[in-house]
């Protein structure tokens, strides 16, 4: 059962629960049901928003923190190549401005 359905049961919102159950019965797939609820202009905006929030969890991986260590558990060497390129470009632009 999706988070959306659990929240609907907790909030005891009969309208929310009925909309979800109708959509699941129609499609047989909770993800498609959430999309139907979210994009149906006939549903209240708060219901559509909650459906979109739950739907987004299925479409996008949730970011989780991980620990990264270097060789033998030591520090990792980080090179900021893009940062250095940007700084060099800005310095060059400043030089051009000064000389003009």
PDB file of N, CA and C in Angstrom:
ATOM      1  N   UNK A   1       0.854  -1.176   0.000  1.00  0.00           N
ATOM      2  CA  UNK A   1       0.000   0.000   0.000  1.00  0.00           C
ATOM      3  C   UNK A   1       0.899   1.237   0.000  1.00  0.00           C
ATOM      4  N   UNK A   2       0.549   2.214  -0.792  1.00  0.00           N
ATOM      5  CA  UNK A   2       1.375   3.416  -0.915  1.00  0.00           C
ATOM      6  C   UNK A   2       1.220   4.313   0.298  1.00  0.00           C
ATOM      7  N   UNK A   3       2.173   5.238   0.431  1.00  0.00           N
ATOM      8  CA  UNK A   3       2.124   6.224   1.507  1.00  0.00           C
ATOM      9  C   UNK A   3       0.849   7.042   1.398  1.00  0.00           C
ATOM     10  N   UNK A   4       0.470   7.338   0.182  1.00  0.00           N
ATOM     11  CA  UNK A   4      -0.741   8.129  -0.068  1.00  0.00           C
ATOM     12  C   UNK A   4      -1.956   7.437   0.534  1.00  0.00           C
ATOM     13  N   UNK A   5      -2.094   6.148   0.285  1.00  0.00           N
ATOM     14  CA  UNK A   5      -3.234   5.400   0.804  1.00  0.00           C
ATOM     15  C   UNK A   5      -3.195   5.331   2.324  1.00  0.00           C
ATOM     16  N   UNK A   6      -2.011   5.152   2.886  1.00  0.00           N
ATOM     17  CA  UNK A   6      -1.883   5.109   4.344  1.00  0.00           C
ATOM     18  C   UNK A   6      -2.275   6.439   4.961  1.00  0.00           C
ATOM     19  N   UNK A   7      -1.839   7.545   4.348  1.00  0.00           N
ATOM     20  CA  UNK A   7      -2.197   8.869   4.865  1.00  0.00           C
ATOM     21  C   UNK A   7      -3.702   9.085   4.766  1.00  0.00           C
ATOM     22  N   UNK A   8      -4.294   8.613   3.688  1.00  0.00           N
ATOM     23  CA  UNK A   8      -5.735   8.770   3.512  1.00  0.00           C
ATOM     24  C   UNK A   8      -6.486   8.030   4.610  1.00  0.00           C
ATOM     25  N   UNK A   9      -6.009   6.840   4.956  1.00  0.00           N
ATOM     26  CA  UNK A   9      -6.671   6.073   6.009  1.00  0.00           C
ATOM     27  C   UNK A   9      -6.467   6.733   7.370  1.00  0.00           C
ATOM     28  N   UNK A  10      -5.263   7.257   7.609  1.00  0.00           N
ATOM     29  CA  UNK A  10      -4.994   7.921   8.878  1.00  0.00           C
ATOM     30  C   UNK A  10      -5.844   9.174   9.040  1.00  0.00           C
ATOM     31  N   UNK A  11      -5.956   9.940   7.974  1.00  0.00           N
ATOM     32  CA  UNK A  11      -6.704  11.195   8.049  1.00  0.00           C
ATOM     33  C   UNK A  11      -8.210  10.945   8.009  1.00  0.00           C
ATOM     34  N   UNK A  12      -8.576   9.702   7.689  1.00  0.00           N
ATOM     35  CA  UNK A  12      -9.975   9.308   7.603  1.00  0.00           C
ATOM     36  C   UNK A  12     -10.752  10.178   6.617  1.00  0.00           C
ATOM     37  N   UNK A  13     -10.041  10.670   5.639  1.00  0.00           N
ATOM     38  CA  UNK A  13     -10.691  11.458   4.609  1.00  0.00           C
ATOM     39  C   UNK A  13     -11.355  10.504   3.635  1.00  0.00           C
ATOM     40  N   UNK A  14     -12.651  10.382   3.755  1.00  0.00           N
ATOM     41  CA  UNK A  14     -13.394   9.444   2.915  1.00  0.00           C
ATOM     42  C   UNK A  14     -13.246   9.790   1.440  1.00  0.00           C
ATOM     43  N   UNK A  15     -13.262  11.069   1.119  1.00  0.00           N
ATOM     44  CA  UNK A  15     -13.133  11.508  -0.265  1.00  0.00           C
ATOM     45  C   UNK A  15     -11.783  11.081  -0.845  1.00  0.00           C
ATOM     46  N   UNK A  16     -10.719  11.265  -0.074  1.00  0.00           N
ATOM     47  CA  UNK A  16      -9.381  10.899  -0.520  1.00  0.00           C
ATOM     48  C   UNK A  16      -9.273   9.395  -0.735  1.00  0.00           C
ATOM     49  N   UNK A  17      -9.747   8.650   0.232  1.00  0.00           N
ATOM     50  CA  UNK A  17      -9.668   7.196   0.152  1.00  0.00           C
ATOM     51  C   UNK A  17     -10.501   6.667  -1.014  1.00  0.00           C
ATOM     52  N   UNK A  18     -11.689   7.217  -1.213  1.00  0.00           N
ATOM     53  CA  UNK A  18     -12.540   6.780  -2.323  1.00  0.00           C
ATOM     54  C   UNK A  18     -11.898   7.086  -3.673  1.00  0.00           C
ATOM     55  N   UNK A  19     -11.293   8.259  -3.803  1.00  0.00           N
ATOM     56  CA  UNK A  19     -10.628   8.621  -5.057  1.00  0.00           C
ATOM     57  C   UNK A  19      -9.489   7.650  -5.354  1.00  0.00           C
ATOM     58  N   UNK A  20      -8.729   7.317  -4.333  1.00  0.00           N
ATOM     59  CA  UNK A  20      -7.605   6.390  -4.508  1.00  0.00           C
ATOM     60  C   UNK A  20      -8.111   5.004  -4.888  1.00  0.00           C
ATOM     61  N   UNK A  21      -9.121   4.524  -4.176  1.00  0.00           N
ATOM     62  CA  UNK A  21      -9.638   3.182  -4.448  1.00  0.00           C
ATOM     63  C   UNK A  21     -10.260   3.094  -5.845  1.00  0.00           C
ATOM     64  N   UNK A  22     -10.955   4.155  -6.287  1.00  0.00           N
ATOM     65  CA  UNK A  22     -11.522   4.161  -7.642  1.00  0.00           C
ATOM     66  C   UNK A  22     -10.416   4.083  -8.691  1.00  0.00           C
ATOM     67  N   UNK A  23      -9.370   4.859  -8.481  1.00  0.00           N
ATOM     68  CA  UNK A  23      -8.275   4.879  -9.454  1.00  0.00           C
ATOM     69  C   UNK A  23      -7.530   3.551  -9.473  1.00  0.00           C
ATOM     70  N   UNK A  24      -7.301   2.953  -8.311  1.00  0.00           N
ATOM     71  CA  UNK A  24      -6.618   1.651  -8.272  1.00  0.00           C
ATOM     72  C   UNK A  24      -7.496   0.589  -8.943  1.00  0.00           C
ATOM     73  N   UNK A  25      -8.818   0.639  -8.687  1.00  0.00           N
ATOM     74  CA  UNK A  25      -9.724  -0.330  -9.315  1.00  0.00           C
ATOM     75  C   UNK A  25      -9.710  -0.180 -10.836  1.00  0.00           C
ATOM     76  N   UNK A  26      -9.611   1.047 -11.308  1.00  0.00           N
ATOM     77  CA  UNK A  26      -9.611   1.300 -12.754  1.00  0.00           C
ATOM     78  C   UNK A  26      -8.324   0.802 -13.399  1.00  0.00           C
ATOM     79  N   UNK A  27      -7.177   1.104 -12.773  1.00  0.00           N
ATOM     80  CA  UNK A  27      -5.891   0.792 -13.398  1.00  0.00           C
ATOM     81  C   UNK A  27      -5.220  -0.455 -12.840  1.00  0.00           C
ATOM     82  N   UNK A  28      -5.537  -0.820 -11.613  1.00  0.00           N
ATOM     83  CA  UNK A  28      -4.899  -1.969 -10.994  1.00  0.00           C
ATOM     84  C   UNK A  28      -3.457  -1.718 -10.595  1.00  0.00           C
ATOM     85  N   UNK A  29      -3.013  -0.489 -10.720  1.00  0.00           N
ATOM     86  CA  UNK A  29      -1.634  -0.136 -10.434  1.00  0.00           C
ATOM     87  C   UNK A  29      -1.621   1.143  -9.598  1.00  0.00           C
ATOM     88  N   UNK A  30      -1.063   1.102  -8.387  1.00  0.00           N
ATOM     89  CA  UNK A  30      -1.076   2.290  -7.529  1.00  0.00           C
ATOM     90  C   UNK A  30      -0.380   3.502  -8.144  1.00  0.00           C
ATOM     91  N   UNK A  31       0.652   3.290  -8.932  1.00  0.00           N
ATOM     92  CA  UNK A  31       1.374   4.415  -9.532  1.00  0.00           C
ATOM     93  C   UNK A  31       0.484   5.123 -10.547  1.00  0.00           C
ATOM     94  N   UNK A  32      -0.189   4.357 -11.384  1.00  0.00           N
ATOM     95  CA  UNK A  32      -1.110   4.957 -12.348  1.00  0.00           C
ATOM     96  C   UNK A  32      -2.286   5.606 -11.636  1.00  0.00           C
ATOM     97  N   UNK A  33      -2.706   5.024 -10.524  1.00  0.00           N
ATOM     98  CA  UNK A  33      -3.803   5.605  -9.750  1.00  0.00           C
ATOM     99  C   UNK A  33      -3.401   6.966  -9.192  1.00  0.00           C
ATOM    100  N   UNK A  34      -2.180   7.063  -8.686  1.00  0.00           N
ATOM    101  CA  UNK A  34      -1.701   8.349  -8.159  1.00  0.00           C
ATOM    102  C   UNK A  34      -1.622   9.399  -9.260  1.00  0.00           C
ATOM    103  N   UNK A  35      -1.179   8.982 -10.435  1.00  0.00           N
ATOM    104  CA  UNK A  35      -1.106   9.916 -11.560  1.00  0.00           C
ATOM    105  C   UNK A  35      -2.502  10.386 -11.947  1.00  0.00           C
ATOM    106  N   UNK A  36      -3.464   9.467 -11.966  1.00  0.00           N
ATOM    107  CA  UNK A  36      -4.849   9.829 -12.293  1.00  0.00           C
ATOM    108  C   UNK A  36      -5.388  10.854 -11.295  1.00  0.00           C
ATOM    109  N   UNK A  37      -5.160  10.617 -10.012  1.00  0.00           N
ATOM    110  CA  UNK A  37      -5.640  11.542  -8.978  1.00  0.00           C
ATOM    111  C   UNK A  37      -4.958  12.899  -9.129  1.00  0.00           C
ATOM    112  N   UNK A  38      -3.656  12.886  -9.352  1.00  0.00           N
ATOM    113  CA  UNK A  38      -2.886  14.131  -9.431  1.00  0.00           C
ATOM    114  C   UNK A  38      -3.290  14.998 -10.615  1.00  0.00           C
ATOM    115  N   UNK A  39      -3.628  14.393 -11.724  1.00  0.00           N
ATOM    116  CA  UNK A  39      -3.904  15.162 -12.938  1.00  0.00           C
ATOM    117  C   UNK A  39      -5.390  15.336 -13.235  1.00  0.00           C
ATOM    118  N   UNK A  40      -6.244  14.902 -12.321  1.00  0.00           N
ATOM    119  CA  UNK A  40      -7.684  15.064 -12.497  1.00  0.00           C
ATOM    120  C   UNK A  40      -8.104  16.424 -11.925  1.00  0.00           C
ATOM    121  N   UNK A  41      -8.508  17.338 -12.809  1.00  0.00           N
ATOM    122  CA  UNK A  41      -8.908  18.682 -12.383  1.00  0.00           C
ATOM    123  C   UNK A  41     -10.120  18.674 -11.461  1.00  0.00           C
ATOM    124  N   UNK A  42     -10.859  17.591 -11.435  1.00  0.00           N
ATOM    125  CA  UNK A  42     -12.037  17.491 -10.577  1.00  0.00           C
ATOM    126  C   UNK A  42     -11.702  17.228  -9.118  1.00  0.00           C
ATOM    127  N   UNK A  43     -10.464  16.841  -8.831  1.00  0.00           N
ATOM    128  CA  UNK A  43     -10.054  16.576  -7.449  1.00  0.00           C
ATOM    129  C   UNK A  43      -9.604  17.864  -6.772  1.00  0.00           C
ATOM    130  N   UNK A  44      -9.820  17.971  -5.450  1.00  0.00           N
ATOM    131  CA  UNK A  44      -9.355  19.154  -4.722  1.00  0.00           C
ATOM    132  C   UNK A  44      -7.830  19.288  -4.830  1.00  0.00           C
ATOM    133  N   UNK A  45      -7.347  20.513  -4.803  1.00  0.00           N
ATOM    134  CA  UNK A  45      -5.919  20.781  -4.998  1.00  0.00           C
ATOM    135  C   UNK A  45      -5.050  20.100  -3.941  1.00  0.00           C
ATOM    136  N   UNK A  46      -5.507  20.033  -2.682  1.00  0.00           N
ATOM    137  CA  UNK A  46      -4.688  19.389  -1.654  1.00  0.00           C
ATOM    138  C   UNK A  46      -4.562  17.891  -1.908  1.00  0.00           C
ATOM    139  N   UNK A  47      -5.623  17.279  -2.420  1.00  0.00           N
ATOM    140  CA  UNK A  47      -5.581  15.860  -2.769  1.00  0.00           C
ATOM    141  C   UNK A  47      -4.624  15.632  -3.937  1.00  0.00           C
ATOM    142  N   UNK A  48      -4.688  16.505  -4.936  1.00  0.00           N
ATOM    143  CA  UNK A  48      -3.807  16.393  -6.097  1.00  0.00           C
ATOM    144  C   UNK A  48      -2.346  16.564  -5.685  1.00  0.00           C
ATOM    145  N   UNK A  49      -2.085  17.516  -4.789  1.00  0.00           N
ATOM    146  CA  UNK A  49      -0.718  17.763  -4.330  1.00  0.00           C
ATOM    147  C   UNK A  49      -0.156  16.555  -3.589  1.00  0.00           C
ATOM    148  N   UNK A  50      -0.945  15.972  -2.695  1.00  0.00           N
ATOM    149  CA  UNK A  50      -0.466  14.790  -1.956  1.00  0.00           C
ATOM    150  C   UNK A  50      -0.193  13.627  -2.906  1.00  0.00           C
ATOM    151  N   UNK A  51      -1.054  13.483  -3.917  1.00  0.00           N
ATOM    152  CA  UNK A  51      -0.834  12.401  -4.887  1.00  0.00           C
ATOM    153  C   UNK A  51       0.458  12.635  -5.668  1.00  0.00           C
ATOM    154  N   UNK A  52       0.715  13.890  -6.058  1.00  0.00           N
ATOM    155  CA  UNK A  52       1.956  14.203  -6.779  1.00  0.00           C
ATOM    156  C   UNK A  52       3.188  13.946  -5.918  1.00  0.00           C
ATOM    157  N   UNK A  53       3.103  14.298  -4.643  1.00  0.00           N
ATOM    158  CA  UNK A  53       4.239  14.077  -3.753  1.00  0.00           C
ATOM    159  C   UNK A  53       4.555  12.594  -3.640  1.00  0.00           C
ATOM    160  N   UNK A  54       3.531  11.780  -3.503  1.00  0.00           N
ATOM    161  CA  UNK A  54       3.756  10.344  -3.401  1.00  0.00           C
ATOM    162  C   UNK A  54       4.201   9.765  -4.735  1.00  0.00           C
ATOM    163  N   UNK A  55       3.617  10.249  -5.826  1.00  0.00           N
ATOM    164  CA  UNK A  55       3.973   9.793  -7.171  1.00  0.00           C
ATOM    165  C   UNK A  55       5.443  10.079  -7.470  1.00  0.00           C
ATOM    166  N   UNK A  56       5.928  11.244  -7.031  1.00  0.00           N
ATOM    167  CA  UNK A  56       7.319  11.635  -7.288  1.00  0.00           C
ATOM    168  C   UNK A  56       8.307  10.662  -6.651  1.00  0.00           C
ATOM    169  N   UNK A  57       7.940  10.062  -5.538  1.00  0.00           N
ATOM    170  CA  UNK A  57       8.832   9.105  -4.875  1.00  0.00           C
ATOM    171  C   UNK A  57       9.084   7.873  -5.743  1.00  0.00           C
ATOM    172  N   UNK A  58       8.097   7.510  -6.553  1.00  0.00           N
ATOM    173  CA  UNK A  58       8.265   6.348  -7.423  1.00  0.00           C
ATOM    174  C   UNK A  58       9.122   6.667  -8.640  1.00  0.00           C
ATOM    175  N   UNK A  59       9.050   7.902  -9.110  1.00  0.00           N
ATOM    176  CA  UNK A  59       9.754   8.277 -10.327  1.00  0.00           C
ATOM    177  C   UNK A  59      11.180   8.702 -10.120  1.00  0.00           C
ATOM    178  N   UNK A  60      11.517   9.139  -8.929  1.00  0.00           N
ATOM    179  CA  UNK A  60      12.855   9.648  -8.653  1.00  0.00           C
ATOM    180  C   UNK A  60      13.463   8.907  -7.472  1.00  0.00           C
ATOM    181  N   UNK A  61      14.699   8.521  -7.635  1.00  0.00           N
ATOM    182  CA  UNK A  61      15.388   7.855  -6.532  1.00  0.00           C
ATOM    183  C   UNK A  61      15.568   8.845  -5.389  1.00  0.00           C
ATOM    184  N   UNK A  62      15.366   8.380  -4.189  1.00  0.00           N
ATOM    185  CA  UNK A  62      15.582   9.245  -3.052  1.00  0.00           C
ATOM    186  C   UNK A  62      17.070   9.278  -2.747  1.00  0.00           C
ATOM    187  N   UNK A  63      17.565  10.461  -2.485  1.00  0.00           N
ATOM    188  CA  UNK A  63      18.991  10.633  -2.234  1.00  0.00           C
ATOM    189  C   UNK A  63      19.306  10.205  -0.806  1.00  0.00           C
ATOM    190  N   UNK A  64      20.294   9.382  -0.671  1.00  0.00           N
ATOM    191  CA  UNK A  64      20.720   8.926   0.651  1.00  0.00           C
ATOM    192  C   UNK A  64      22.200   9.247   0.808  1.00  0.00           C
ATOM    193  N   UNK A  65      22.574   9.609   2.001  1.00  0.00           N
ATOM    194  CA  UNK A  65      23.979   9.924   2.233  1.00  0.00           C
ATOM    195  C   UNK A  65      24.779   8.622   2.347  1.00  0.00           C
ATOM    196  N   UNK A  66      26.000   8.680   1.869  1.00  0.00           N
ATOM    197  CA  UNK A  66      26.899   7.538   1.989  1.00  0.00           C
ATOM    198  C   UNK A  66      28.262   8.059   2.417  1.00  0.00           C
ATOM    199  N   UNK A  67      29.007   7.205   3.055  1.00  0.00           N
ATOM    200  CA  UNK A  67      30.352   7.593   3.486  1.00  0.00           C
ATOM    201  C   UNK A  67      31.344   7.063   2.469  1.00  0.00           C
ATOM    202  N   UNK A  68      32.237   7.931   2.037  1.00  0.00           N
ATOM    203  CA  UNK A  68      33.245   7.546   1.061  1.00  0.00           C
ATOM    204  C   UNK A  68      34.622   7.784   1.689  1.00  0.00           C
ATOM    205  N   UNK A  69      35.460   6.794   1.577  1.00  0.00           N
ATOM    206  CA  UNK A  69      36.823   6.956   2.080  1.00  0.00           C
ATOM    207  C   UNK A  69      37.799   6.611   0.970  1.00  0.00           C
ATOM    208  N   UNK A  70      38.980   7.149   1.109  1.00  0.00           N
ATOM    209  CA  UNK A  70      40.016   6.889   0.131  1.00  0.00           C
ATOM    210  C   UNK A  70      40.698   5.560   0.384  1.00  0.00           C
ATOM    211  N   UNK A  71      41.828   5.402  -0.268  1.00  0.00           N
ATOM    212  CA  UNK A  71      42.596   4.176  -0.142  1.00  0.00           C
ATOM    213  C   UNK A  71      42.973   3.948   1.316  1.00  0.00           C
ATOM    214  N   UNK A  72      42.799   2.735   1.787  1.00  0.00           N
ATOM    215  CA  UNK A  72      43.101   2.341   3.168  1.00  0.00           C
ATOM    216  C   UNK A  72      42.334   3.179   4.188  1.00  0.00           C
ATOM    217  N   UNK A  73      41.155   3.649   3.818  1.00  0.00           N
ATOM    218  CA  UNK A  73      40.324   4.407   4.749  1.00  0.00           C
ATOM    219  C   UNK A  73      40.745   5.849   4.935  1.00  0.00           C
ATOM    220  N   UNK A  74      41.705   6.305   4.146  1.00  0.00           N
ATOM    221  CA  UNK A  74      42.198   7.673   4.273  1.00  0.00           C
ATOM    222  C   UNK A  74      41.318   8.678   3.547  1.00  0.00           C
ATOM    223  N   UNK A  75      41.821   9.885   3.482  1.00  0.00           N
ATOM    224  CA  UNK A  75      41.092  10.977   2.837  1.00  0.00           C
ATOM    225  C   UNK A  75      41.057  10.783   1.326  1.00  0.00           C
ATOM    226  N   UNK A  76      40.099  11.406   0.700  1.00  0.00           N
ATOM    227  CA  UNK A  76      39.958  11.360  -0.748  1.00  0.00           C
ATOM    228  C   UNK A  76      40.484  12.661  -1.323  1.00  0.00           C
ATOM    229  N   UNK A  77      41.271  12.547  -2.375  1.00  0.00           N
ATOM    230  CA  UNK A  77      41.780  13.741  -3.041  1.00  0.00           C
ATOM    231  C   UNK A  77      40.707  14.251  -3.990  1.00  0.00           C
ATOM    232  N   UNK A  78      40.341  15.493  -3.821  1.00  0.00           N
ATOM    233  CA  UNK A  78      39.296  16.093  -4.658  1.00  0.00           C
ATOM    234  C   UNK A  78      39.938  17.172  -5.511  1.00  0.00           C
ATOM    235  N   UNK A  79      39.707  17.093  -6.785  1.00  0.00           N
ATOM    236  CA  UNK A  79      40.234  18.096  -7.700  1.00  0.00           C
ATOM    237  C   UNK A  79      39.067  18.925  -8.192  1.00  0.00           C
ATOM    238  N   UNK A  80      39.220  20.216  -8.136  1.00  0.00           N
ATOM    239  CA  UNK A  80      38.167  21.131  -8.550  1.00  0.00           C
ATOM    240  C   UNK A  80      38.505  21.713  -9.915  1.00  0.00           C
ATOM    241  N   UNK A  81      38.518  20.878 -10.919  1.00  0.00           N
ATOM    242  CA  UNK A  81      38.885  21.314 -12.258  1.00  0.00           C
ATOM    243  C   UNK A  81      37.959  22.388 -12.795  1.00  0.00           C
ATOM    244  N   UNK A  82      36.663  22.213 -12.630  1.00  0.00           N
ATOM    245  CA  UNK A  82      35.709  23.185 -13.142  1.00  0.00           C
ATOM    246  C   UNK A  82      35.865  24.513 -12.405  1.00  0.00           C
ATOM    247  N   UNK A  83      36.040  24.438 -11.101  1.00  0.00           N
ATOM    248  CA  UNK A  83      36.211  25.661 -10.318  1.00  0.00           C
ATOM    249  C   UNK A  83      37.449  26.424 -10.797  1.00  0.00           C
ATOM    250  N   UNK A  84      38.535  25.710 -11.019  1.00  0.00           N
ATOM    251  CA  UNK A  84      39.765  26.342 -11.488  1.00  0.00           C
ATOM    252  C   UNK A  84      39.569  26.973 -12.866  1.00  0.00           C
ATOM    253  N   UNK A  85      38.856  26.291 -13.741  1.00  0.00           N
ATOM    254  CA  UNK A  85      38.592  26.837 -15.074  1.00  0.00           C
ATOM    255  C   UNK A  85      37.766  28.117 -14.986  1.00  0.00           C
ATOM    256  N   UNK A  86      36.762  28.106 -14.137  1.00  0.00           N
ATOM    257  CA  UNK A  86      35.917  29.295 -13.976  1.00  0.00           C
ATOM    258  C   UNK A  86      36.733  30.461 -13.424  1.00  0.00           C
ATOM    259  N   UNK A  87      37.562  30.187 -12.423  1.00  0.00           N
ATOM    260  CA  UNK A  87      38.383  31.245 -11.826  1.00  0.00           C
ATOM    261  C   UNK A  87      39.368  31.817 -12.850  1.00  0.00           C
ATOM    262  N   UNK A  88      39.955  30.959 -13.682  1.00  0.00           N
ATOM    263  CA  UNK A  88      40.869  31.425 -14.713  1.00  0.00           C
ATOM    264  C   UNK A  88      40.135  32.277 -15.748  1.00  0.00           C
ATOM    265  N   UNK A  89      38.940  31.862 -16.114  1.00  0.00           N
ATOM    266  CA  UNK A  89      38.139  32.625 -17.070  1.00  0.00           C
ATOM    267  C   UNK A  89      37.786  33.988 -16.503  1.00  0.00           C
ATOM    268  N   UNK A  90      37.368  34.022 -15.248  1.00  0.00           N
ATOM    269  CA  UNK A  90      37.024  35.297 -14.606  1.00  0.00           C
ATOM    270  C   UNK A  90      38.240  36.212 -14.505  1.00  0.00           C
ATOM    271  N   UNK A  91      39.398  35.620 -14.171  1.00  0.00           N
ATOM    272  CA  UNK A  91      40.621  36.415 -14.087  1.00  0.00           C
ATOM    273  C   UNK A  91      40.966  36.986 -15.458  1.00  0.00           C
ATOM    274  N   UNK A  92      40.791  36.179 -16.508  1.00  0.00           N
ATOM    275  CA  UNK A  92      41.056  36.649 -17.863  1.00  0.00           C
ATOM    276  C   UNK A  92      40.121  37.753 -18.270  1.00  0.00           C
ATOM    277  N   UNK A  93      38.846  37.664 -17.902  1.00  0.00           N
ATOM    278  CA  UNK A  93      37.869  38.694 -18.201  1.00  0.00           C
ATOM    279  C   UNK A  93      38.199  39.996 -17.468  1.00  0.00           C
ATOM    280  N   UNK A  94      38.644  39.847 -16.223  1.00  0.00           N
ATOM    281  CA  UNK A  94      39.018  41.034 -15.444  1.00  0.00           C
ATOM    282  C   UNK A  94      40.226  41.719 -16.069  1.00  0.00           C
ATOM    283  N   UNK A  95      41.176  40.928 -16.568  1.00  0.00           N
ATOM    284  CA  UNK A  95      42.370  41.480 -17.208  1.00  0.00           C
ATOM    285  C   UNK A  95      41.993  42.224 -18.486  1.00  0.00           C
ATOM    286  N   UNK A  96      41.074  41.637 -19.274  1.00  0.00           N
ATOM    287  CA  UNK A  96      40.632  42.271 -20.504  1.00  0.00           C
ATOM    288  C   UNK A  96      39.948  43.599 -20.184  1.00  0.00           C
ATOM    289  N   UNK A  97      39.149  43.596 -19.148  1.00  0.00           N
ATOM    290  CA  UNK A  97      38.431  44.831 -18.761  1.00  0.00           C
ATOM    291  C   UNK A  97      39.410  45.919 -18.327  1.00  0.00           C
ATOM    292  N   UNK A  98      40.440  45.519 -17.577  1.00  0.00           N
ATOM    293  CA  UNK A  98      41.425  46.505 -17.106  1.00  0.00           C
ATOM    294  C   UNK A  98      42.218  47.106 -18.282  1.00  0.00           C
ATOM    295  N   UNK A  99      42.499  46.270 -19.265  1.00  0.00           N
ATOM    296  CA  UNK A  99      43.328  46.748 -20.390  1.00  0.00           C
ATOM    297  C   UNK A  99      42.524  47.553 -21.398  1.00  0.00           C
ATOM    298  N   UNK A 100      41.207  47.536 -21.316  1.00  0.00           N
ATOM    299  CA  UNK A 100      40.402  48.293 -22.294  1.00  0.00           C
ATOM    300  C   UNK A 100      40.026  49.666 -21.803  1.00  0.00           C
TER     301      UNK A 100
END
